[in-house]
Every structure is written in C-alpha cells, then in structure tokens.
Amino acid sequence: REFIEQHYVTLKKANPEFPILIRECSGVQPKLWARYEFGKEKSIPLNNLTVDEVAKALESVVK
C-alpha cells in the first residue's frame, strides 16, 4: 500500500498507455502480476516487502 501511495501517480505519468490495475481487498495476500505476449504470466508475492523491495520486484518483471 505504501508503494502505491508514494509512486502510483509517477508511474502513471511516466507510462500513460501502460495498463496498471490495483485492487484493494481484505484477506488477500498482495501480489504483482505481469502479463506478457503469448499468454505468459509471472507473479511475485509482495508480503511484508519494503517500498524499495516492491520497486525492485516491479523492475524485475519489466526487464
């Protein structure tokens, strides 16, 4: 949640055409999902990660 509060606006301004979906729900573990061409998907659990660790996880799915 802290990462989104700090970086969402910057991410959207830098990538206005890139679809970013955030869903808030109680009782669900946070995950980062990335969907690539040809139906490939990757997910990374974000439980108890710091803001910097979430940023690194996001960078890892973009590369």
Protein backbone atom coordinates (compact mmCIF):
# COMPACT_ATOMS: atom_id res chain seq x y z
CA ARG A 1 0.00 0.00 0.00
CA GLU A 2 2.81 2.39 0.88
CA PHE A 3 4.46 1.85 -2.52
CA ILE A 4 1.22 2.70 -4.33
CA GLU A 5 0.64 5.79 -2.20
CA GLN A 6 4.15 7.05 -2.96
CA HIS A 7 4.65 6.02 -6.59
CA TYR A 8 1.36 5.42 -8.43
CA VAL A 9 0.99 8.93 -9.83
CA THR A 10 4.61 8.97 -11.01
CA LEU A 11 4.22 5.54 -12.66
CA LYS A 12 1.05 6.57 -14.50
CA LYS A 13 2.51 9.89 -15.66
CA ALA A 14 5.63 8.14 -16.97
CA ASN A 15 3.58 5.35 -18.62
CA PRO A 16 0.15 6.75 -19.54
CA GLU A 17 -0.61 3.99 -22.07
CA PHE A 18 0.54 1.14 -19.81
CA PRO A 19 -2.34 -0.64 -18.06
CA ILE A 20 -1.87 -0.68 -14.28
CA LEU A 21 -4.63 -2.31 -12.25
CA ILE A 22 -4.74 -2.08 -8.47
CA ARG A 23 -7.36 -3.93 -6.47
CA GLU A 24 -7.89 -3.41 -2.78
CA CYS A 25 -9.35 -6.36 -0.90
CA SER A 26 -9.17 -7.59 2.66
CA GLY A 27 -7.85 -11.05 3.44
CA VAL A 28 -5.84 -11.36 0.20
CA GLN A 29 -2.07 -11.55 0.01
CA PRO A 30 -0.51 -8.81 -2.16
CA LYS A 31 0.97 -9.94 -5.47
CA LEU A 32 2.44 -8.32 -8.53
CA TRP A 33 1.25 -9.88 -11.78
CA ALA A 34 2.78 -9.27 -15.18
CA ARG A 35 1.30 -10.50 -18.44
CA TYR A 36 3.48 -10.85 -21.49
CA GLU A 37 2.96 -11.84 -25.10
CA PHE A 38 1.82 -15.34 -26.00
CA GLY A 39 -0.09 -15.78 -22.72
CA LYS A 40 2.96 -15.86 -20.48
CA GLU A 41 2.37 -14.62 -16.92
CA LYS A 42 4.60 -14.04 -13.92
CA SER A 43 3.59 -13.30 -10.33
CA ILE A 44 5.65 -12.15 -7.38
CA PRO A 45 4.34 -12.19 -3.80
CA LEU A 46 4.74 -8.82 -2.08
CA ASN A 47 4.04 -9.81 1.55
CA ASN A 48 5.92 -7.67 4.06
CA LEU A 49 8.15 -6.05 1.44
CA THR A 50 9.50 -2.53 1.86
CA VAL A 51 8.82 0.19 -0.69
CA ASP A 52 12.28 -0.36 -2.18
CA GLU A 53 11.75 -4.13 -2.40
CA VAL A 54 8.43 -3.62 -4.21
CA ALA A 55 10.20 -1.28 -6.65
CA LYS A 56 12.83 -3.95 -7.33
CA ALA A 57 10.10 -6.55 -7.88
CA LEU A 58 8.43 -4.23 -10.39
CA GLU A 59 11.73 -3.65 -12.18
CA SER A 60 12.32 -7.40 -12.39
CA VAL A 61 9.09 -8.03 -14.32
CA VAL A 62 9.67 -5.11 -16.69
CA LYS A 63 13.10 -6.33 -17.85
